[in-house]
Amino acid sequence: MQLICEGHPQITGVSPGIRLVLNKPTVLEEPVLQGDSTADALGCSIYGSVIDDGGTFRMWYQAWPRDWDGSDEVSVACAESDDGVNWRRPSYGLVECSGGKQNNLTDLAVHCPSVFIDPHGGVEKRYRAFGYTSAEKLKGRYDHDIGAVGYYTAYSPDGVKWQFDSAEPTWHHADVITSTWDPYAGRALIALKYNGESAGMFRRRFFTAHWSDGQATEPVSAFIPDEHDDTAARERGFTSADYYGVGLMPTPGPTIGFLWNFRHQRPLGYLESQMKSYGRLGRVDLSIVYQLERGGRWLHLPGRPDWLCAEEAPEWARGALYTASTPLSVGDETWLYFSGTQDRHGWCGVGMTAREWRSSLVGSGGFARIGLAKWRRDRIMGYEASLREFIDLSAGRTGEGESGGWLALNAATRPGGAIRVALLDGNFEPVAVAGDRVVDGAKW
């Protein structure tokens, strides 16, 4: 099934009253995982991934330990669940933390860990990971031979014990990276933070790259903030904006992005050595972007609306929101895990440092907690008609000797409403469809 969106090549016409709508997700009121062990006492960030691994949900997340020293964290924990909501922490006995090894830490040792199953990896390289790290960040706790700061790739047979592919980074720059396997293209899709000038200001920007069978492409520009993002920020009480990251969802048609919009509050930071001002404090909200064809331009929805605004999130997530690297399908729903914080990025209140703020929340779930947003499958956006409207779709031609085609409908109707389907060049009566179905077929 193809996600429907503005500009889709199969949409050949729409009547004047039909409109594109963004469907907001249902968000669980309580977090599904929060700080509850020495390894993650300060908090749990889904700067990571969740996958369905043969019927067991597995989550790789950034664990903020009780003895956090105030620097970028590279501790990566792995939790498991039977239902995706109630999680357990296996004890791997692998990495020392706060004086002991009885914890669920892996030895991946990266910031922003993205993990997926590599269908070409074989037994020894079944799990593939991307992340940001350096020798200095390992602090002597891990037995890995790596060097300069940058984005690294790693592999594992079990998702717990990892090996880096190289002692040097696959890509330079820092420090946020997300990745997922694109089964429709047969390769991984990666988004990497590449800071630089944009719309008269030094900003966080994101490039994309691909990876397959150990070969990586050079990153190309993809998500570049502009003056429209600044306008959206000012409408919400902030001064400017850039992008802090992006979750990725490949589909058979468009690729969807869950963009982390970092809206800056004053004062701006200043890099004296580079003579550059930049946003360092503010709120992070989520919006939807999409790419009609692989390698094409990334598009915003008209007006760049929020899909999930931190201000409207549960109380524990009203400062900033960050998504997992990719969502996953669960029955007739799509699930996306996200991190929420009460504090804004870089701002914990007057007179409070980040370390003081985070330490004050030990024992009560930590500063960062992991939540769950869900929606009906393939309904992240769509077209809505309040009155009688039409939409024309090109379904392709039926070749000689073929039995015909079919149109899959993913639609909901209000009481008294219906959808009528007809072939424009046929002699059939319209077929009325009513109800609420994720997949319903119209055949000819």
Protein backbone atom coordinates (compact mmCIF):
# COMPACT_ATOMS: atom_id res chain seq x y z
CA MET A 1 0.00 0.00 0.00
CA GLN A 2 1.22 3.52 -0.84
CA LEU A 3 0.96 6.39 1.61
CA ILE A 4 -1.09 9.16 0.07
CA CYS A 5 0.42 12.65 0.14
CA GLU A 6 0.48 15.87 -1.83
CA GLY A 7 2.41 15.52 -5.06
CA HIS A 8 2.16 11.73 -5.23
CA PRO A 9 2.53 10.76 -8.92
CA GLN A 10 -0.56 8.54 -8.80
CA ILE A 11 -2.81 11.44 -7.78
CA THR A 12 -3.91 12.96 -11.07
CA GLY A 13 -6.58 15.35 -9.79
CA VAL A 14 -8.59 16.49 -6.76
CA SER A 15 -11.80 18.51 -6.52
CA PRO A 16 -11.70 21.99 -4.93
CA GLY A 17 -13.08 21.06 -1.50
CA ILE A 18 -10.81 18.16 -0.68
CA ARG A 19 -7.85 18.92 1.57
CA LEU A 20 -4.65 17.32 2.78
CA VAL A 21 -4.68 16.63 6.53
CA LEU A 22 -2.01 15.58 9.01
CA ASN A 23 -3.27 12.97 11.45
CA LYS A 24 -1.79 13.34 14.92
CA PRO A 25 -0.83 10.24 16.89
CA THR A 26 -2.23 8.83 20.10
CA VAL A 27 0.36 9.25 22.86
CA LEU A 28 0.42 7.03 25.94
CA GLU A 29 0.11 9.21 29.03
CA GLU A 30 2.79 7.35 30.98
CA PRO A 31 6.34 6.52 29.82
CA VAL A 32 7.06 2.92 28.86
CA LEU A 33 10.64 3.12 30.18
CA GLN A 34 12.29 5.45 32.65
CA GLY A 35 15.38 5.56 34.85
CA ASP A 36 15.21 2.65 37.29
CA SER A 37 18.70 1.15 37.64
CA THR A 38 22.27 2.26 38.31
CA ALA A 39 22.95 2.14 34.56
CA ASP A 40 20.11 4.56 33.68
CA ALA A 41 19.26 6.28 36.99
CA LEU A 42 19.52 9.75 35.43
CA GLY A 43 17.31 8.80 32.50
CA CYS A 44 16.65 6.82 29.32
CA SER A 45 16.84 8.44 25.86
CA ILE A 46 15.53 6.74 22.74
CA TYR A 47 18.47 8.18 20.88
CA GLY A 48 18.23 4.66 19.54
CA SER A 49 16.04 2.00 17.97
CA VAL A 50 13.27 -0.49 18.68
CA ILE A 51 12.80 -3.58 16.51
CA ASP A 52 10.57 -6.64 16.52
CA ASP A 53 13.16 -9.40 16.72
CA GLY A 54 11.33 -12.65 16.06
CA GLY A 55 8.39 -11.81 18.30
CA THR A 56 10.43 -10.08 21.01
CA PHE A 57 10.68 -6.31 21.07
CA ARG A 58 14.25 -5.11 21.60
CA MET A 59 15.17 -1.53 22.43
CA TRP A 60 18.64 0.01 22.23
CA TYR A 61 18.68 3.28 24.13
CA GLN A 62 21.08 5.86 25.56
CA ALA A 63 21.45 5.11 29.27
CA TRP A 64 22.37 7.99 31.59
CA PRO A 65 24.09 6.37 34.60
CA ARG A 66 23.89 7.35 38.25
CA ASP A 67 27.55 8.45 38.16
CA TRP A 68 27.23 10.60 35.01
CA ASP A 69 30.17 13.01 34.73
CA GLY A 70 28.43 15.73 32.70
CA SER A 71 29.87 14.83 29.28
CA ASP A 72 28.30 13.31 26.15
CA GLU A 73 27.07 9.85 27.12
CA VAL A 74 27.98 6.76 25.08
CA SER A 75 26.47 4.07 27.33
CA VAL A 76 24.04 1.97 25.26
CA ALA A 77 21.60 -0.32 27.03
CA CYS A 78 19.32 -2.99 25.55
CA ALA A 79 15.90 -3.79 27.01
CA GLU A 80 13.37 -6.45 25.97
CA SER A 81 9.59 -6.72 25.95
CA ASP A 82 6.88 -9.16 24.92
CA ASP A 83 4.28 -6.49 24.15
CA GLY A 84 6.29 -3.31 23.45
CA VAL A 85 4.88 -1.57 26.53
CA ASN A 86 6.21 -3.47 29.55
CA TRP A 87 10.00 -3.70 29.43
CA ARG A 88 12.63 -5.74 31.26
CA ARG A 89 16.37 -5.19 31.63
CA PRO A 90 18.38 -8.39 31.07
CA SER A 91 21.65 -8.51 33.01
CA TYR A 92 24.47 -8.97 30.49
CA GLY A 93 27.37 -8.65 32.97
CA LEU A 94 29.43 -6.97 30.29
CA VAL A 95 30.16 -3.32 31.16
CA GLU A 96 31.04 -1.91 34.57
CA CYS A 97 28.84 0.93 35.76
CA SER A 98 28.63 2.51 39.22
CA GLY A 99 30.82 -0.22 40.69
CA GLY A 100 29.20 -3.31 39.16
CA LYS A 101 28.43 -5.23 35.97
CA GLN A 102 24.94 -6.44 36.82
CA ASN A 103 23.19 -4.27 34.26
CA ASN A 104 21.77 -4.28 30.74
CA LEU A 105 24.58 -2.26 29.13
CA THR A 106 25.99 -3.44 25.81
CA ASP A 107 29.53 -2.58 24.75
CA LEU A 108 28.40 -0.58 21.68
CA ALA A 109 29.68 2.70 23.23
CA VAL A 110 28.24 5.34 20.88
CA HIS A 111 26.10 8.44 21.16
CA CYS A 112 22.81 8.18 19.22
CA PRO A 113 22.83 4.41 18.60
CA SER A 114 20.75 3.26 15.62
CA VAL A 115 20.40 -0.51 15.33
CA PHE A 116 18.71 -2.69 12.72
CA ILE A 117 18.92 -6.25 11.41
CA ASP A 118 21.08 -6.41 8.29
CA PRO A 119 19.51 -8.96 5.89
CA HIS A 120 22.91 -9.36 4.19
CA GLY A 121 24.95 -9.58 7.39
CA GLY A 122 24.98 -13.31 8.02
CA VAL A 123 25.19 -14.81 11.51
CA GLU A 124 28.20 -12.83 12.77
CA LYS A 125 26.95 -9.48 11.47
CA ARG A 126 23.22 -9.92 11.95
CA TYR A 127 22.88 -6.62 13.82
CA ARG A 128 24.17 -3.38 12.32
CA ALA A 129 24.67 -0.14 14.27
CA PHE A 130 25.56 3.46 13.48
CA GLY A 131 26.60 6.04 16.07
CA TYR A 132 28.85 8.92 17.07
CA THR A 133 31.91 8.35 19.25
CA SER A 134 35.68 8.70 19.66
CA ALA A 135 38.53 7.13 21.63
CA GLU A 136 38.31 9.90 24.22
CA LYS A 137 34.61 9.26 24.84
CA LEU A 138 35.23 5.60 25.73
CA LYS A 139 37.06 6.75 28.91
CA GLY A 140 38.93 3.46 29.14
CA ARG A 141 35.74 1.48 29.86
CA TYR A 142 35.54 -0.35 26.53
CA ASP A 143 37.95 -2.56 24.61
CA HIS A 144 37.53 -0.94 21.20
CA ASP A 145 40.21 0.36 18.85
CA ILE A 146 38.80 3.62 17.51
CA GLY A 147 40.31 7.04 16.91
CA ALA A 148 38.98 10.40 15.77
CA VAL A 149 35.62 11.94 16.53
CA GLY A 150 32.98 10.96 13.98
CA TYR A 151 30.21 8.61 12.89
CA TYR A 152 31.13 4.92 13.12
CA THR A 153 29.56 1.65 11.99
CA ALA A 154 29.57 -1.57 14.02
CA TYR A 155 28.23 -5.11 13.85
CA SER A 156 27.18 -7.83 16.28
CA PRO A 157 25.89 -11.42 16.25
CA ASP A 158 23.58 -10.84 19.24
CA GLY A 159 23.05 -7.09 19.62
CA VAL A 160 25.03 -7.06 22.88
CA LYS A 161 28.71 -7.60 22.04
CA TRP A 162 29.87 -5.33 19.24
CA GLN A 163 32.82 -4.82 16.90
CA PHE A 164 33.55 -1.59 15.02
CA ASP A 165 34.21 -1.93 11.30
CA SER A 166 37.17 0.43 11.37
CA ALA A 167 39.37 2.39 13.75
CA GLU A 168 38.43 5.53 11.81
CA PRO A 169 34.96 7.01 11.35
CA THR A 170 32.90 6.24 8.26
CA TRP A 171 31.87 9.90 8.18
CA HIS A 172 33.30 12.87 10.04
CA HIS A 173 31.27 15.61 11.78
CA ALA A 174 29.10 15.20 14.89
CA ASP A 175 27.02 14.28 16.80
CA VAL A 176 23.46 13.12 15.95
CA ILE A 177 22.85 10.26 13.52
CA THR A 178 19.83 8.08 12.75
CA SER A 179 19.59 5.12 10.40
CA THR A 180 17.24 2.36 9.31
CA TRP A 181 17.18 -0.43 6.77
CA ASP A 182 15.15 0.42 3.67
CA PRO A 183 13.81 -2.94 2.45
CA TYR A 184 12.38 -1.38 -0.71
CA ALA A 185 15.78 -0.03 -1.81
CA GLY A 186 17.89 -2.86 -0.36
CA ARG A 187 20.17 -0.53 1.62
CA ALA A 188 20.37 1.50 4.81
CA LEU A 189 19.21 5.11 4.87
CA ILE A 190 21.19 7.37 7.19
CA ALA A 191 20.67 10.97 8.34
CA LEU A 192 23.73 12.73 9.79
CA LYS A 193 24.11 16.13 11.40
CA TYR A 194 26.32 18.40 9.27
CA ASN A 195 26.37 21.89 10.79
CA GLY A 196 26.85 24.94 8.60
CA GLU A 197 25.54 28.29 7.43
CA SER A 198 21.89 28.49 6.43
CA ALA A 199 19.59 31.51 6.05
CA GLY A 200 22.19 33.86 7.53
CA MET A 201 22.96 31.82 10.63
CA PHE A 202 25.12 28.89 11.74
CA ARG A 203 22.67 26.01 12.16
CA ARG A 204 22.21 22.31 12.68
CA ARG A 205 21.55 20.73 9.28
CA PHE A 206 21.19 17.13 8.17
CA PHE A 207 22.61 15.29 5.21
CA THR A 208 21.65 11.78 4.10
CA ALA A 209 23.75 8.85 2.95
CA HIS A 210 23.30 5.17 2.10
CA TRP A 211 25.10 2.06 3.24
CA SER A 212 25.07 -1.56 2.03
CA ASP A 213 27.48 -4.49 2.29
CA GLY A 214 30.12 -2.36 3.98
CA GLN A 215 30.02 0.40 1.37
CA ALA A 216 28.93 3.92 2.33
CA THR A 217 28.05 6.81 0.04
CA GLU A 218 29.10 10.41 0.50
CA PRO A 219 26.46 12.42 2.38
CA VAL A 220 24.33 14.90 0.43
CA SER A 221 22.29 17.83 1.74
CA ALA A 222 18.73 16.93 2.70
CA PHE A 223 17.24 18.82 5.66
CA ILE A 224 18.32 22.47 5.59
CA PRO A 225 16.50 24.95 7.88
CA ASP A 226 15.41 28.26 6.39
CA GLU A 227 13.53 31.47 7.14
CA HIS A 228 10.20 29.60 7.15
CA ASP A 229 11.42 27.64 10.17
CA ASP A 230 12.30 30.92 11.88
CA THR A 231 8.79 32.21 11.16
CA ALA A 232 7.28 29.05 12.65
CA ALA A 233 9.52 29.46 15.71
CA ARG A 234 8.43 33.07 16.24
CA GLU A 235 4.76 32.08 15.95
CA ARG A 236 5.40 29.79 18.92
CA GLY A 237 7.26 32.36 21.03
CA PHE A 238 10.84 31.53 20.02
CA THR A 239 13.38 33.43 17.92
CA SER A 240 14.92 31.07 15.35
CA ALA A 241 15.15 27.37 14.57
CA ASP A 242 17.12 24.50 13.15
CA TYR A 243 16.90 20.70 13.13
CA TYR A 244 18.18 18.49 15.93
CA GLY A 245 17.57 15.15 14.23
CA VAL A 246 15.13 13.11 12.16
CA GLY A 247 13.52 9.69 12.42
CA LEU A 248 13.08 7.83 9.13
CA MET A 249 10.29 5.60 7.78
CA PRO A 250 10.79 4.06 4.31
CA THR A 251 7.60 2.87 2.59
CA PRO A 252 6.96 1.31 -0.84
CA GLY A 253 6.28 4.85 -2.08
CA PRO A 254 7.21 8.04 -0.22
CA THR A 255 9.78 8.06 2.58
CA ILE A 256 8.54 9.76 5.74
CA GLY A 257 10.70 11.78 8.12
CA PHE A 258 9.92 12.71 11.74
CA LEU A 259 11.77 16.01 12.00
CA TRP A 260 13.05 17.26 15.38
CA ASN A 261 12.44 21.03 15.20
CA PHE A 262 14.75 22.83 17.65
CA ARG A 263 13.20 26.24 18.36
CA HIS A 264 15.66 28.61 19.97
CA GLN A 265 15.18 30.95 22.88
CA ARG A 266 17.64 33.69 23.74
CA PRO A 267 20.47 34.15 24.42
CA LEU A 268 22.12 32.59 21.38
CA GLY A 269 25.46 30.90 21.81
CA TYR A 270 28.62 32.24 20.21
CA LEU A 271 31.63 30.33 18.89
CA GLU A 272 34.34 32.96 19.22
CA SER A 273 36.99 30.95 17.39
CA GLN A 274 34.66 30.59 14.37
CA MET A 275 32.81 33.91 14.77
CA LYS A 276 29.44 32.15 14.61
CA SER A 277 26.22 32.57 16.57
CA TYR A 278 24.01 29.53 17.05
CA GLY A 279 20.92 28.38 18.93
CA ARG A 280 21.73 26.49 22.13
CA LEU A 281 18.61 26.79 24.29
CA GLY A 282 15.02 25.96 23.44
CA ARG A 283 12.20 23.49 22.83
CA VAL A 284 12.17 20.53 20.44
CA ASP A 285 8.90 19.67 18.64
CA LEU A 286 8.16 17.09 15.94
CA SER A 287 6.86 17.66 12.41
CA ILE A 288 6.43 15.47 9.33
CA VAL A 289 8.47 15.72 6.13
CA TYR A 290 8.37 13.39 3.15
CA GLN A 291 10.27 12.45 0.02
CA LEU A 292 8.18 11.42 -2.99
CA GLU A 293 10.94 9.38 -4.62
CA ARG A 294 14.24 8.09 -3.27
CA GLY A 295 16.94 10.67 -3.84
CA GLY A 296 14.38 13.43 -4.35
CA ARG A 297 13.70 16.63 -2.49
CA TRP A 298 12.33 16.48 1.06
CA LEU A 299 9.02 18.33 1.41
CA HIS A 300 7.19 19.93 4.33
CA LEU A 301 3.43 19.97 4.70
CA PRO A 302 1.84 23.34 3.89
CA GLY A 303 2.35 25.72 6.82
CA ARG A 304 4.83 23.32 8.46
CA PRO A 305 2.43 22.25 11.24
CA ASP A 306 3.58 20.36 14.32
CA TRP A 307 2.76 16.68 14.37
CA LEU A 308 3.58 16.38 18.06
CA CYS A 309 4.33 19.53 20.06
CA ALA A 310 6.19 19.23 23.37
CA GLU A 311 3.83 21.77 24.90
CA GLU A 312 0.92 19.37 24.29
CA ALA A 313 2.79 16.21 25.35
CA PRO A 314 2.40 14.48 28.73
CA GLU A 315 3.84 16.47 31.62
CA TRP A 316 7.09 14.48 31.70
CA ALA A 317 7.80 15.38 28.04
CA ARG A 318 6.92 19.08 27.75
CA GLY A 319 10.46 20.39 27.31
CA ALA A 320 11.80 18.50 24.29
CA LEU A 321 10.92 15.50 22.10
CA TYR A 322 13.29 13.18 20.20
CA THR A 323 12.22 10.09 18.23
CA ALA A 324 13.61 6.63 17.74
CA SER A 325 15.47 6.10 14.47
CA THR A 326 12.41 4.50 12.86
CA PRO A 327 8.86 3.33 13.77
CA LEU A 328 7.64 -0.24 13.52
CA SER A 329 4.41 -1.94 12.46
CA VAL A 330 2.39 -3.65 15.18
CA GLY A 331 -0.80 -5.24 13.84
CA ASP A 332 -2.96 -2.53 12.27
CA GLU A 333 -0.94 0.23 13.95
CA THR A 334 2.39 1.99 13.54
CA TRP A 335 4.35 2.63 16.74
CA LEU A 336 7.00 5.27 17.23
CA TYR A 337 8.96 5.47 20.46
CA PHE A 338 10.19 8.88 21.56
CA SER A 339 12.15 10.52 24.37
CA GLY A 340 10.67 13.32 26.39
CA THR A 341 12.25 15.69 28.89
CA GLN A 342 10.74 18.22 31.27
CA ASP A 343 13.66 20.61 30.74
CA ARG A 344 14.27 22.32 27.43
CA HIS A 345 17.43 21.68 25.47
CA GLY A 346 20.21 23.46 27.37
CA TRP A 347 17.80 25.16 29.76
CA CYS A 348 16.79 23.78 33.18
CA GLY A 349 15.63 27.06 34.71
CA VAL A 350 17.35 30.08 36.23
CA GLY A 351 20.37 29.18 38.36
CA MET A 352 20.16 25.42 37.63
CA THR A 353 22.86 23.53 35.72
CA ALA A 354 22.08 20.43 33.68
CA ARG A 355 24.03 18.27 36.09
CA GLU A 356 22.18 19.66 39.12
CA TRP A 357 18.80 19.26 37.41
CA ARG A 358 19.41 15.70 36.30
CA SER A 359 20.85 14.62 39.64
CA SER A 360 17.75 15.98 41.38
CA LEU A 361 15.57 13.53 39.42
CA VAL A 362 17.43 10.34 40.38
CA GLY A 363 14.93 7.97 41.96
CA SER A 364 11.92 9.56 40.26
CA GLY A 365 12.40 8.31 36.68
CA GLY A 366 15.25 10.56 35.55
CA PHE A 367 15.33 13.63 33.34
CA ALA A 368 14.67 11.69 30.10
CA ARG A 369 11.96 9.05 29.70
CA ILE A 370 10.76 6.98 26.77
CA GLY A 371 7.18 7.17 25.57
CA LEU A 372 5.09 5.69 22.78
CA ALA A 373 3.10 7.38 20.01
CA LYS A 374 0.88 5.26 17.77
CA TRP A 375 -1.51 5.66 14.84
CA ARG A 376 -3.52 3.51 12.43
CA ARG A 377 -1.23 2.02 9.83
CA ASP A 378 -0.60 4.21 6.74
CA ARG A 379 -2.69 7.05 8.15
CA ILE A 380 -0.06 9.57 9.11
CA MET A 381 -1.54 11.91 6.50
CA GLY A 382 -4.29 11.77 3.92
CA TYR A 383 -7.08 13.59 2.13
CA GLU A 384 -10.32 14.62 3.84
CA ALA A 385 -13.68 15.50 2.29
CA SER A 386 -16.44 17.12 4.36
CA LEU A 387 -18.87 17.27 1.42
CA ARG A 388 -19.11 15.47 -1.90
CA GLU A 389 -15.61 15.52 -3.40
CA PHE A 390 -13.53 13.58 -5.91
CA ILE A 391 -9.97 12.35 -6.13
CA ASP A 392 -8.59 10.82 -9.32
CA LEU A 393 -5.93 8.14 -9.05
CA SER A 394 -3.85 6.56 -11.76
CA ALA A 395 -3.76 2.84 -10.97
CA GLY A 396 -1.72 1.67 -13.95
CA ARG A 397 -2.89 -0.34 -16.92
CA THR A 398 -3.97 -3.94 -16.97
CA GLY A 399 -1.92 -5.84 -19.52
CA GLU A 400 -3.28 -8.33 -22.01
CA GLY A 401 -3.94 -11.66 -20.36
CA GLU A 402 -3.91 -10.24 -16.83
CA SER A 403 -6.89 -10.86 -14.57
CA GLY A 404 -7.20 -7.24 -13.45
CA GLY A 405 -6.08 -4.92 -10.67
CA TRP A 406 -7.17 -3.84 -7.25
CA LEU A 407 -7.31 -0.67 -5.20
CA ALA A 408 -6.57 -0.92 -1.48
CA LEU A 409 -8.51 1.57 0.60
CA ASN A 410 -7.35 2.84 4.00
CA ALA A 411 -10.17 5.13 5.06
CA ALA A 412 -12.61 6.12 7.78
CA THR A 413 -16.10 7.52 7.24
CA ARG A 414 -18.36 9.51 9.54
CA PRO A 415 -21.96 8.45 10.20
CA GLY A 416 -23.87 8.83 6.95
CA GLY A 417 -20.69 9.13 4.91
CA ALA A 418 -19.44 6.72 2.28
CA ILE A 419 -16.73 6.27 -0.30
CA ARG A 420 -17.72 5.37 -3.85
CA VAL A 421 -15.17 3.74 -6.11
CA ALA A 422 -15.45 3.58 -9.88
CA LEU A 423 -13.29 3.01 -12.92
CA LEU A 424 -13.66 6.11 -15.02
CA ASP A 425 -13.53 4.17 -18.27
CA GLY A 426 -15.71 1.24 -17.21
CA ASN A 427 -19.44 0.58 -17.32
CA PHE A 428 -19.82 -0.42 -13.65
CA GLU A 429 -22.06 0.97 -10.94
CA PRO A 430 -20.15 2.77 -8.15
CA VAL A 431 -19.27 0.60 -5.14
CA ALA A 432 -20.17 2.21 -1.79
CA VAL A 433 -17.75 1.63 1.08
CA ALA A 434 -18.43 2.62 4.70
CA GLY A 435 -16.90 1.98 8.09
CA ASP A 436 -13.33 2.11 9.41
CA ARG A 437 -10.87 -0.20 7.67
CA VAL A 438 -7.08 -0.22 7.40
CA VAL A 439 -7.18 -2.27 4.19
CA ASP A 440 -10.26 -2.83 2.06
CA GLY A 441 -10.14 -3.88 -1.57
CA ALA A 442 -11.93 -2.63 -4.63
CA LYS A 443 -11.35 -5.14 -7.45
CA TRP A 444 -11.92 -5.22 -11.19
